Protein backbone atom coordinates (compact mmCIF):
# COMPACT_ATOMS: atom_id res chain seq x y z
CA UNK A 1 33.92 29.63 130.56
CA UNK A 2 31.90 32.09 132.78
CA UNK A 3 31.96 35.84 132.55
CA UNK A 4 35.11 37.78 132.73
CA UNK A 5 36.09 41.44 133.23
CA UNK A 6 39.02 43.25 131.98
CA UNK A 7 40.76 45.95 134.17
CA UNK A 8 43.13 48.50 133.18
CA UNK A 9 46.39 48.74 135.50
CA UNK A 10 49.50 51.02 135.37
CA UNK A 11 52.63 50.02 137.19
CA UNK A 12 53.26 52.97 139.32
CA UNK A 13 56.66 51.78 140.82
CA UNK A 14 58.61 48.67 141.78
CA UNK A 15 59.54 48.32 145.44
CA UNK A 16 62.44 46.38 146.85
CA UNK A 17 62.79 44.65 143.48
CA UNK A 18 60.18 42.24 144.04
CA UNK A 19 56.79 44.05 144.64
CA UNK A 20 55.00 46.09 141.87
CA UNK A 21 52.63 48.86 143.01
CA UNK A 22 49.80 48.97 140.40
CA UNK A 23 47.23 51.60 140.11
CA UNK A 24 43.82 49.96 139.00
CA UNK A 25 40.96 51.18 136.84
CA UNK A 26 40.45 53.86 134.12
CA UNK A 27 40.75 56.59 137.05
CA UNK A 28 43.82 54.56 138.63
CA UNK A 29 42.76 55.41 142.01
CA UNK A 30 42.88 51.94 143.50
CA UNK A 31 46.20 50.73 144.57
CA UNK A 32 47.31 47.16 144.73
CA UNK A 33 50.75 45.46 145.68
CA UNK A 34 51.55 42.52 143.46
CA UNK A 35 54.50 40.18 143.45
CA UNK A 36 56.63 41.31 140.46
CA UNK A 37 57.09 37.55 139.65
CA UNK A 38 53.29 37.48 138.70
CA UNK A 39 53.88 40.08 135.96
CA UNK A 40 55.04 39.57 132.41
CA UNK A 41 58.70 39.37 132.13
CA UNK A 42 60.42 42.78 131.61
CA UNK A 43 57.33 44.76 133.02
CA UNK A 44 58.61 47.96 134.69
CA UNK A 45 57.58 51.35 136.08
CA UNK A 46 55.29 53.29 133.79
CA UNK A 47 53.95 50.19 131.80
CA UNK A 48 50.30 49.77 131.29
CA UNK A 49 48.70 46.39 131.73
CA UNK A 50 45.38 44.66 130.98
CA UNK A 51 44.21 42.19 133.71
CA UNK A 52 41.54 39.76 132.95
CA UNK A 53 39.52 38.16 135.93
CA UNK A 54 37.21 35.46 135.26
CA UNK A 55 35.34 33.00 137.52
CA UNK A 56 36.97 29.52 137.36
CA UNK A 57 33.85 27.42 137.66
CA UNK A 58 35.76 24.06 137.02
CA UNK A 59 38.27 24.81 139.80
CA UNK A 60 35.18 25.67 142.19
CA UNK A 61 33.47 22.48 141.21
CA UNK A 62 36.62 20.33 141.90
CA UNK A 63 37.00 22.10 145.28
CA UNK A 64 33.44 21.45 146.23
CA UNK A 65 33.83 17.76 145.08
CA UNK A 66 37.01 17.40 147.40
CA UNK A 67 35.07 18.90 150.36
CA UNK A 68 32.10 16.59 149.80
CA UNK A 69 34.31 13.57 149.71
CA UNK A 70 36.03 14.65 152.89
CA UNK A 71 32.69 15.22 154.53
CA UNK A 72 31.47 11.76 153.47
CA UNK A 73 34.71 10.16 154.92
CA UNK A 74 34.29 12.05 158.09
CA UNK A 75 30.75 11.02 158.42
CA UNK A 76 31.51 7.29 157.73
CA UNK A 77 34.37 7.34 160.31
CA UNK A 78 32.21 9.06 163.09
CA UNK A 79 29.41 6.63 162.74
CA UNK A 80 26.95 9.51 162.54
CA UNK A 81 25.55 8.95 159.15
CA UNK A 82 21.87 9.41 160.25
CA UNK A 83 22.40 12.08 162.87
CA UNK A 84 23.34 15.43 161.87
CA UNK A 85 24.08 17.10 158.44
CA UNK A 86 27.10 19.49 158.63
CA UNK A 87 28.77 21.91 156.11
CA UNK A 88 32.30 23.18 156.10
């Protein structure tokens, strides 16, 4: 697995019973709205969270492979194998 970063977050409030307003970072100055369904069950106003963000290399590689496969199929169907290289 690649590098990861852990971020402190505090739930400032819950809006409309489906959006949690989080204050991020040690200074809690960055505000982010997040669907309540993405938080642990029972999370509520005033709770503090640890959010871990990591790069998902396997997912990225799989997506690149899918795009490459689609590019190859498009090139074959267009009959332009030797004409122009393109990237999506």
